[in-house]
Amino acid sequence: MALRMGKDTGSLVPGMPGQRMRPAVVARAFQALPSAHREILTETVFRGRSVNEAAASLGVPVDVVKVRVYQALRALSSALDAPRPTV
């Protein structure tokens, strides 16, 4: 799975097929993640590295990268599902 961030893309809104979420909302949720989660998502999603490449870059076993990606994506999804305060 590869996520692409660009001018004309947004993130899909969880539970709302076809709806897009503003990139700023996703960026805030990403920044709120623990540093280990941000690090692994940066390596695999934003830098487009494979699990093997990320493992070599971070100096950890491939299985550790897989677990961290899973946990980070779950945490990001939970953060995006959380009710957002209205302004």
PDB file of N, CA and C in Angstrom:
ATOM      1  N   MET A   1       0.841  -1.169   0.000  1.00  0.00           N
ATOM      2  CA  MET A   1       0.000   0.000   0.000  1.00  0.00           C
ATOM      3  C   MET A   1       0.886   1.232   0.000  1.00  0.00           C
ATOM      4  N   ALA A   2       0.603   2.146  -0.866  1.00  0.00           N
ATOM      5  CA  ALA A   2       1.358   3.385  -0.901  1.00  0.00           C
ATOM      6  C   ALA A   2       0.384   4.551  -0.884  1.00  0.00           C
ATOM      7  N   LEU A   3       0.622   5.471   0.011  1.00  0.00           N
ATOM      8  CA  LEU A   3      -0.196   6.666   0.070  1.00  0.00           C
ATOM      9  C   LEU A   3       0.513   7.762  -0.688  1.00  0.00           C
ATOM     10  N   ARG A   4      -0.216   8.517  -1.426  1.00  0.00           N
ATOM     11  CA  ARG A   4       0.357   9.621  -2.182  1.00  0.00           C
ATOM     12  C   ARG A   4      -0.199  10.923  -1.628  1.00  0.00           C
ATOM     13  N   MET A   5       0.679  11.833  -1.327  1.00  0.00           N
ATOM     14  CA  MET A   5       0.261  13.142  -0.865  1.00  0.00           C
ATOM     15  C   MET A   5       0.579  14.133  -1.972  1.00  0.00           C
ATOM     16  N   GLY A   6      -0.379  14.887  -2.357  1.00  0.00           N
ATOM     17  CA  GLY A   6      -0.166  15.859  -3.411  1.00  0.00           C
ATOM     18  C   GLY A   6      -1.197  16.956  -3.339  1.00  0.00           C
ATOM     19  N   LYS A   7      -1.045  17.912  -4.222  1.00  0.00           N
ATOM     20  CA  LYS A   7      -1.916  19.072  -4.236  1.00  0.00           C
ATOM     21  C   LYS A   7      -3.378  18.700  -4.428  1.00  0.00           C
ATOM     22  N   ASP A   8      -3.648  17.757  -5.315  1.00  0.00           N
ATOM     23  CA  ASP A   8      -5.021  17.426  -5.657  1.00  0.00           C
ATOM     24  C   ASP A   8      -5.544  16.194  -4.942  1.00  0.00           C
ATOM     25  N   THR A   9      -4.786  15.657  -4.003  1.00  0.00           N
ATOM     26  CA  THR A   9      -5.248  14.467  -3.307  1.00  0.00           C
ATOM     27  C   THR A   9      -5.603  14.818  -1.882  1.00  0.00           C
ATOM     28  N   GLY A  10      -6.414  14.010  -1.301  1.00  0.00           N
ATOM     29  CA  GLY A  10      -6.732  14.112   0.108  1.00  0.00           C
ATOM     30  C   GLY A  10      -6.779  12.705   0.627  1.00  0.00           C
ATOM     31  N   SER A  11      -7.076  12.552   1.874  1.00  0.00           N
ATOM     32  CA  SER A  11      -7.206  11.220   2.434  1.00  0.00           C
ATOM     33  C   SER A  11      -8.672  10.866   2.494  1.00  0.00           C
ATOM     34  N   LEU A  12      -8.951   9.615   2.256  1.00  0.00           N
ATOM     35  CA  LEU A  12     -10.339   9.176   2.345  1.00  0.00           C
ATOM     36  C   LEU A  12     -10.815   9.289   3.781  1.00  0.00           C
ATOM     37  N   VAL A  13     -12.035   9.722   3.939  1.00  0.00           N
ATOM     38  CA  VAL A  13     -12.619   9.852   5.269  1.00  0.00           C
ATOM     39  C   VAL A  13     -13.075   8.482   5.717  1.00  0.00           C
ATOM     40  N   PRO A  14     -12.600   8.015   6.891  1.00  0.00           N
ATOM     41  CA  PRO A  14     -13.022   6.707   7.369  1.00  0.00           C
ATOM     42  C   PRO A  14     -14.538   6.637   7.506  1.00  0.00           C
ATOM     43  N   GLY A  15     -15.121   5.565   6.991  1.00  0.00           N
ATOM     44  CA  GLY A  15     -16.548   5.342   7.119  1.00  0.00           C
ATOM     45  C   GLY A  15     -17.407   6.149   6.165  1.00  0.00           C
ATOM     46  N   MET A  16     -16.783   6.919   5.284  1.00  0.00           N
ATOM     47  CA  MET A  16     -17.537   7.734   4.341  1.00  0.00           C
ATOM     48  C   MET A  16     -16.948   7.533   2.940  1.00  0.00           C
ATOM     49  N   PRO A  17     -17.382   6.478   2.247  1.00  0.00           N
ATOM     50  CA  PRO A  17     -16.823   6.166   0.937  1.00  0.00           C
ATOM     51  C   PRO A  17     -16.890   7.348  -0.017  1.00  0.00           C
ATOM     52  N   GLY A  18     -15.772   7.602  -0.682  1.00  0.00           N
ATOM     53  CA  GLY A  18     -15.714   8.651  -1.682  1.00  0.00           C
ATOM     54  C   GLY A  18     -15.505  10.051  -1.130  1.00  0.00           C
ATOM     55  N   GLN A  19     -15.613  10.220   0.173  1.00  0.00           N
ATOM     56  CA  GLN A  19     -15.409  11.537   0.774  1.00  0.00           C
ATOM     57  C   GLN A  19     -13.931  11.715   1.097  1.00  0.00           C
ATOM     58  N   ARG A  20     -13.458  12.924   0.948  1.00  0.00           N
ATOM     59  CA  ARG A  20     -12.046  13.204   1.219  1.00  0.00           C
ATOM     60  C   ARG A  20     -11.911  14.100   2.443  1.00  0.00           C
ATOM     61  N   MET A  21     -10.801  13.910   3.148  1.00  0.00           N
ATOM     62  CA  MET A  21     -10.509  14.681   4.337  1.00  0.00           C
ATOM     63  C   MET A  21      -9.446  15.717   3.981  1.00  0.00           C
ATOM     64  N   ARG A  22      -9.531  16.853   4.559  1.00  0.00           N
ATOM     65  CA  ARG A  22      -8.553  17.902   4.277  1.00  0.00           C
ATOM     66  C   ARG A  22      -7.160  17.455   4.708  1.00  0.00           C
ATOM     67  N   PRO A  23      -6.144  17.740   3.882  1.00  0.00           N
ATOM     68  CA  PRO A  23      -4.772  17.363   4.238  1.00  0.00           C
ATOM     69  C   PRO A  23      -4.324  17.924   5.580  1.00  0.00           C
ATOM     70  N   ALA A  24      -4.802  19.094   5.961  1.00  0.00           N
ATOM     71  CA  ALA A  24      -4.408  19.682   7.243  1.00  0.00           C
ATOM     72  C   ALA A  24      -4.883  18.821   8.410  1.00  0.00           C
ATOM     73  N   VAL A  25      -6.054  18.212   8.266  1.00  0.00           N
ATOM     74  CA  VAL A  25      -6.583  17.342   9.321  1.00  0.00           C
ATOM     75  C   VAL A  25      -5.696  16.110   9.457  1.00  0.00           C
ATOM     76  N   VAL A  26      -5.317  15.544   8.322  1.00  0.00           N
ATOM     77  CA  VAL A  26      -4.450  14.364   8.337  1.00  0.00           C
ATOM     78  C   VAL A  26      -3.087  14.737   8.911  1.00  0.00           C
ATOM     79  N   ALA A  27      -2.560  15.892   8.531  1.00  0.00           N
ATOM     80  CA  ALA A  27      -1.253  16.329   9.030  1.00  0.00           C
ATOM     81  C   ALA A  27      -1.273  16.508  10.544  1.00  0.00           C
ATOM     82  N   ARG A  28      -2.346  17.084  11.077  1.00  0.00           N
ATOM     83  CA  ARG A  28      -2.447  17.250  12.539  1.00  0.00           C
ATOM     84  C   ARG A  28      -2.513  15.896  13.238  1.00  0.00           C
ATOM     85  N   ALA A  29      -3.279  14.969  12.673  1.00  0.00           N
ATOM     86  CA  ALA A  29      -3.370  13.631  13.269  1.00  0.00           C
ATOM     87  C   ALA A  29      -2.013  12.930  13.222  1.00  0.00           C
ATOM     88  N   PHE A  30      -1.306  13.089  12.101  1.00  0.00           N
ATOM     89  CA  PHE A  30       0.022  12.495  11.954  1.00  0.00           C
ATOM     90  C   PHE A  30       0.976  13.073  13.002  1.00  0.00           C
ATOM     91  N   GLN A  31       0.961  14.387  13.174  1.00  0.00           N
ATOM     92  CA  GLN A  31       1.861  15.028  14.145  1.00  0.00           C
ATOM     93  C   GLN A  31       1.552  14.627  15.581  1.00  0.00           C
ATOM     94  N   ALA A  32       0.316  14.237  15.838  1.00  0.00           N
ATOM     95  CA  ALA A  32      -0.073  13.826  17.190  1.00  0.00           C
ATOM     96  C   ALA A  32       0.366  12.398  17.523  1.00  0.00           C
ATOM     97  N   LEU A  33       0.796  11.647  16.512  1.00  0.00           N
ATOM     98  CA  LEU A  33       1.249  10.273  16.747  1.00  0.00           C
ATOM     99  C   LEU A  33       2.561  10.272  17.524  1.00  0.00           C
ATOM    100  N   PRO A  34       2.829   9.192  18.257  1.00  0.00           N
ATOM    101  CA  PRO A  34       4.132   9.049  18.907  1.00  0.00           C
ATOM    102  C   PRO A  34       5.251   9.063  17.854  1.00  0.00           C
ATOM    103  N   SER A  35       6.430   9.472  18.247  1.00  0.00           N
ATOM    104  CA  SER A  35       7.541   9.611  17.302  1.00  0.00           C
ATOM    105  C   SER A  35       7.872   8.297  16.584  1.00  0.00           C
ATOM    106  N   ALA A  36       7.746   7.175  17.255  1.00  0.00           N
ATOM    107  CA  ALA A  36       8.038   5.888  16.604  1.00  0.00           C
ATOM    108  C   ALA A  36       7.061   5.624  15.459  1.00  0.00           C
ATOM    109  N   HIS A  37       5.803   6.010  15.645  1.00  0.00           N
ATOM    110  CA  HIS A  37       4.812   5.827  14.590  1.00  0.00           C
ATOM    111  C   HIS A  37       5.083   6.776  13.424  1.00  0.00           C
ATOM    112  N   ARG A  38       5.418   8.020  13.742  1.00  0.00           N
ATOM    113  CA  ARG A  38       5.738   8.975  12.670  1.00  0.00           C
ATOM    114  C   ARG A  38       6.955   8.516  11.881  1.00  0.00           C
ATOM    115  N   GLU A  39       7.954   8.015  12.584  1.00  0.00           N
ATOM    116  CA  GLU A  39       9.184   7.559  11.933  1.00  0.00           C
ATOM    117  C   GLU A  39       8.915   6.422  10.947  1.00  0.00           C
ATOM    118  N   ILE A  40       8.150   5.432  11.361  1.00  0.00           N
ATOM    119  CA  ILE A  40       7.917   4.273  10.497  1.00  0.00           C
ATOM    120  C   ILE A  40       7.035   4.644   9.311  1.00  0.00           C
ATOM    121  N   LEU A  41       6.041   5.511   9.514  1.00  0.00           N
ATOM    122  CA  LEU A  41       5.200   5.942   8.397  1.00  0.00           C
ATOM    123  C   LEU A  41       5.976   6.836   7.439  1.00  0.00           C
ATOM    124  N   THR A  42       6.872   7.630   7.958  1.00  0.00           N
ATOM    125  CA  THR A  42       7.715   8.464   7.098  1.00  0.00           C
ATOM    126  C   THR A  42       8.566   7.587   6.196  1.00  0.00           C
ATOM    127  N   GLU A  43       9.154   6.557   6.758  1.00  0.00           N
ATOM    128  CA  GLU A  43      10.012   5.665   5.973  1.00  0.00           C
ATOM    129  C   GLU A  43       9.232   4.894   4.914  1.00  0.00           C
ATOM    130  N   THR A  44       8.090   4.364   5.291  1.00  0.00           N
ATOM    131  CA  THR A  44       7.369   3.467   4.381  1.00  0.00           C
ATOM    132  C   THR A  44       6.379   4.178   3.469  1.00  0.00           C
ATOM    133  N   VAL A  45       5.700   5.172   3.980  1.00  0.00           N
ATOM    134  CA  VAL A  45       4.666   5.830   3.184  1.00  0.00           C
ATOM    135  C   VAL A  45       5.233   7.026   2.424  1.00  0.00           C
ATOM    136  N   PHE A  46       5.816   7.961   3.138  1.00  0.00           N
ATOM    137  CA  PHE A  46       6.253   9.199   2.502  1.00  0.00           C
ATOM    138  C   PHE A  46       7.525   9.041   1.689  1.00  0.00           C
ATOM    139  N   ARG A  47       8.434   8.196   2.143  1.00  0.00           N
ATOM    140  CA  ARG A  47       9.659   7.948   1.370  1.00  0.00           C
ATOM    141  C   ARG A  47       9.504   6.787   0.403  1.00  0.00           C
ATOM    142  N   GLY A  48       8.397   6.069   0.506  1.00  0.00           N
ATOM    143  CA  GLY A  48       8.092   4.989  -0.423  1.00  0.00           C
ATOM    144  C   GLY A  48       9.013   3.793  -0.330  1.00  0.00           C
ATOM    145  N   ARG A  49       9.597   3.580   0.822  1.00  0.00           N
ATOM    146  CA  ARG A  49      10.515   2.452   0.987  1.00  0.00           C
ATOM    147  C   ARG A  49       9.740   1.170   1.263  1.00  0.00           C
ATOM    148  N   SER A  50      10.286   0.083   0.777  1.00  0.00           N
ATOM    149  CA  SER A  50       9.705  -1.227   1.074  1.00  0.00           C
ATOM    150  C   SER A  50       9.971  -1.554   2.541  1.00  0.00           C
ATOM    151  N   VAL A  51       9.325  -2.601   3.007  1.00  0.00           N
ATOM    152  CA  VAL A  51       9.538  -3.045   4.384  1.00  0.00           C
ATOM    153  C   VAL A  51      11.011  -3.412   4.576  1.00  0.00           C
ATOM    154  N   ASN A  52      11.594  -4.085   3.602  1.00  0.00           N
ATOM    155  CA  ASN A  52      13.008  -4.465   3.708  1.00  0.00           C
ATOM    156  C   ASN A  52      13.917  -3.240   3.727  1.00  0.00           C
ATOM    157  N   GLU A  53      13.620  -2.256   2.881  1.00  0.00           N
ATOM    158  CA  GLU A  53      14.433  -1.034   2.844  1.00  0.00           C
ATOM    159  C   GLU A  53      14.302  -0.247   4.141  1.00  0.00           C
ATOM    160  N   ALA A  54      13.082  -0.156   4.657  1.00  0.00           N
ATOM    161  CA  ALA A  54      12.859   0.561   5.918  1.00  0.00           C
ATOM    162  C   ALA A  54      13.593  -0.138   7.062  1.00  0.00           C
ATOM    163  N   ALA A  55      13.554  -1.466   7.075  1.00  0.00           N
ATOM    164  CA  ALA A  55      14.249  -2.227   8.119  1.00  0.00           C
ATOM    165  C   ALA A  55      15.747  -1.946   8.082  1.00  0.00           C
ATOM    166  N   ALA A  56      16.320  -1.947   6.883  1.00  0.00           N
ATOM    167  CA  ALA A  56      17.755  -1.678   6.749  1.00  0.00           C
ATOM    168  C   ALA A  56      18.080  -0.247   7.177  1.00  0.00           C
ATOM    169  N   SER A  57      17.245   0.690   6.782  1.00  0.00           N
ATOM    170  CA  SER A  57      17.466   2.096   7.114  1.00  0.00           C
ATOM    171  C   SER A  57      17.385   2.352   8.618  1.00  0.00           C
ATOM    172  N   LEU A  58      16.445   1.686   9.265  1.00  0.00           N
ATOM    173  CA  LEU A  58      16.235   1.895  10.699  1.00  0.00           C
ATOM    174  C   LEU A  58      17.062   0.959  11.574  1.00  0.00           C
ATOM    175  N   GLY A  59      17.650  -0.051  10.953  1.00  0.00           N
ATOM    176  CA  GLY A  59      18.463  -0.997  11.711  1.00  0.00           C
ATOM    177  C   GLY A  59      17.651  -1.916  12.604  1.00  0.00           C
ATOM    178  N   VAL A  60      16.470  -2.293  12.129  1.00  0.00           N
ATOM    179  CA  VAL A  60      15.615  -3.200  12.893  1.00  0.00           C
ATOM    180  C   VAL A  60      15.195  -4.352  11.991  1.00  0.00           C
ATOM    181  N   PRO A  61      14.748  -5.467  12.577  1.00  0.00           N
ATOM    182  CA  PRO A  61      14.286  -6.590  11.763  1.00  0.00           C
ATOM    183  C   PRO A  61      13.023  -6.245  10.961  1.00  0.00           C
ATOM    184  N   VAL A  62      12.841  -6.941   9.856  1.00  0.00           N
ATOM    185  CA  VAL A  62      11.685  -6.734   8.980  1.00  0.00           C
ATOM    186  C   VAL A  62      10.385  -6.918   9.755  1.00  0.00           C
ATOM    187  N   ASP A  63      10.318  -7.933  10.603  1.00  0.00           N
ATOM    188  CA  ASP A  63       9.092  -8.175  11.371  1.00  0.00           C
ATOM    189  C   ASP A  63       8.742  -6.999  12.282  1.00  0.00           C
ATOM    190  N   VAL A  64       9.752  -6.325  12.803  1.00  0.00           N
ATOM    191  CA  VAL A  64       9.512  -5.150  13.653  1.00  0.00           C
ATOM    192  C   VAL A  64       8.895  -4.029  12.818  1.00  0.00           C
ATOM    193  N   VAL A  65       9.394  -3.847  11.605  1.00  0.00           N
ATOM    194  CA  VAL A  65       8.830  -2.824  10.718  1.00  0.00           C
ATOM    195  C   VAL A  65       7.373  -3.138  10.422  1.00  0.00           C
ATOM    196  N   LYS A  66       7.070  -4.385  10.121  1.00  0.00           N
ATOM    197  CA  LYS A  66       5.692  -4.772   9.813  1.00  0.00           C
ATOM    198  C   LYS A  66       4.751  -4.472  10.977  1.00  0.00           C
ATOM    199  N   VAL A  67       5.171  -4.824  12.173  1.00  0.00           N
ATOM    200  CA  VAL A  67       4.342  -4.587  13.362  1.00  0.00           C
ATOM    201  C   VAL A  67       4.169  -3.089  13.592  1.00  0.00           C
ATOM    202  N   ARG A  68       5.252  -2.336  13.453  1.00  0.00           N
ATOM    203  CA  ARG A  68       5.175  -0.889  13.690  1.00  0.00           C
ATOM    204  C   ARG A  68       4.285  -0.195  12.658  1.00  0.00           C
ATOM    205  N   VAL A  69       4.369  -0.615  11.408  1.00  0.00           N
ATOM    206  CA  VAL A  69       3.500  -0.025  10.377  1.00  0.00           C
ATOM    207  C   VAL A  69       2.046  -0.307  10.725  1.00  0.00           C
ATOM    208  N   TYR A  70       1.749  -1.536  11.081  1.00  0.00           N
ATOM    209  CA  TYR A  70       0.385  -1.908  11.454  1.00  0.00           C
ATOM    210  C   TYR A  70      -0.105  -1.052  12.619  1.00  0.00           C
ATOM    211  N   GLN A  71       0.701  -0.951  13.664  1.00  0.00           N
ATOM    212  CA  GLN A  71       0.306  -0.187  14.839  1.00  0.00           C
ATOM    213  C   GLN A  71       0.152   1.300  14.517  1.00  0.00           C
ATOM    214  N   ALA A  72       1.056   1.821  13.698  1.00  0.00           N
ATOM    215  CA  ALA A  72       1.003   3.241  13.344  1.00  0.00           C
ATOM    216  C   ALA A  72      -0.234   3.561  12.514  1.00  0.00           C
ATOM    217  N   LEU A  73      -0.561   2.686  11.566  1.00  0.00           N
ATOM    218  CA  LEU A  73      -1.750   2.917  10.740  1.00  0.00           C
ATOM    219  C   LEU A  73      -3.027   2.825  11.571  1.00  0.00           C
ATOM    220  N   ARG A  74      -3.054   1.913  12.518  1.00  0.00           N
ATOM    221  CA  ARG A  74      -4.219   1.803  13.419  1.00  0.00           C
ATOM    222  C   ARG A  74      -4.342   3.059  14.270  1.00  0.00           C
ATOM    223  N   ALA A  75      -3.222   3.549  14.781  1.00  0.00           N
ATOM    224  CA  ALA A  75      -3.247   4.754  15.611  1.00  0.00           C
ATOM    225  C   ALA A  75      -3.693   5.965  14.789  1.00  0.00           C
ATOM    226  N   LEU A  76      -3.204   6.068  13.557  1.00  0.00           N
ATOM    227  CA  LEU A  76      -3.603   7.180  12.697  1.00  0.00           C
ATOM    228  C   LEU A  76      -5.088   7.092  12.367  1.00  0.00           C
ATOM    229  N   SER A  77      -5.551   5.902  12.074  1.00  0.00           N
ATOM    230  CA  SER A  77      -6.965   5.714  11.777  1.00  0.00           C
ATOM    231  C   SER A  77      -7.822   6.094  12.979  1.00  0.00           C
ATOM    232  N   SER A  78      -7.405   5.687  14.163  1.00  0.00           N
ATOM    233  CA  SER A  78      -8.150   6.032  15.384  1.00  0.00           C
ATOM    234  C   SER A  78      -8.168   7.538  15.602  1.00  0.00           C
ATOM    235  N   ALA A  79      -7.033   8.181  15.352  1.00  0.00           N
ATOM    236  CA  ALA A  79      -6.961   9.634  15.518  1.00  0.00           C
ATOM    237  C   ALA A  79      -7.882  10.349  14.546  1.00  0.00           C
ATOM    238  N   LEU A  80      -7.988   9.816  13.332  1.00  0.00           N
ATOM    239  CA  LEU A  80      -8.853  10.435  12.334  1.00  0.00           C
ATOM    240  C   LEU A  80     -10.326  10.142  12.594  1.00  0.00           C
ATOM    241  N   ASP A  81     -10.614   9.029  13.258  1.00  0.00           N
ATOM    242  CA  ASP A  81     -11.993   8.672  13.595  1.00  0.00           C
ATOM    243  C   ASP A  81     -12.501   9.431  14.813  1.00  0.00           C
ATOM    244  N   ALA A  82     -11.580   9.936  15.626  1.00  0.00           N
ATOM    245  CA  ALA A  82     -11.969  10.628  16.858  1.00  0.00           C
ATOM    246  C   ALA A  82     -12.759  11.885  16.509  1.00  0.00           C
ATOM    247  N   PRO A  83     -13.742  12.192  17.326  1.00  0.00           N
ATOM    248  CA  PRO A  83     -14.514  13.421  17.083  1.00  0.00           C
ATOM    249  C   PRO A  83     -13.593  14.636  17.120  1.00  0.00           C
ATOM    250  N   ARG A  84     -13.799  15.519  16.168  1.00  0.00           N
ATOM    251  CA  ARG A  84     -12.992  16.731  16.104  1.00  0.00           C
ATOM    252  C   ARG A  84     -13.804  17.891  16.689  1.00  0.00           C
ATOM    253  N   PRO A  85     -13.140  18.750  17.436  1.00  0.00           N
ATOM    254  CA  PRO A  85     -13.871  19.887  18.007  1.00  0.00           C
ATOM    255  C   PRO A  85     -14.339  20.832  16.901  1.00  0.00           C
ATOM    256  N   THR A  86     -15.514  21.352  17.074  1.00  0.00           N
ATOM    257  CA  THR A  86     -16.021  22.323  16.103  1.00  0.00           C
ATOM    258  C   THR A  86     -15.620  23.721  16.559  1.00  0.00           C
ATOM    259  N   VAL A  87     -15.334  24.534  15.599  1.00  0.00           N
ATOM    260  CA  VAL A  87     -14.861  25.890  15.914  1.00  0.00           C
ATOM    261  C   VAL A  87     -15.956  26.878  15.657  1.00  0.00           C
TER     262      VAL A  87
END
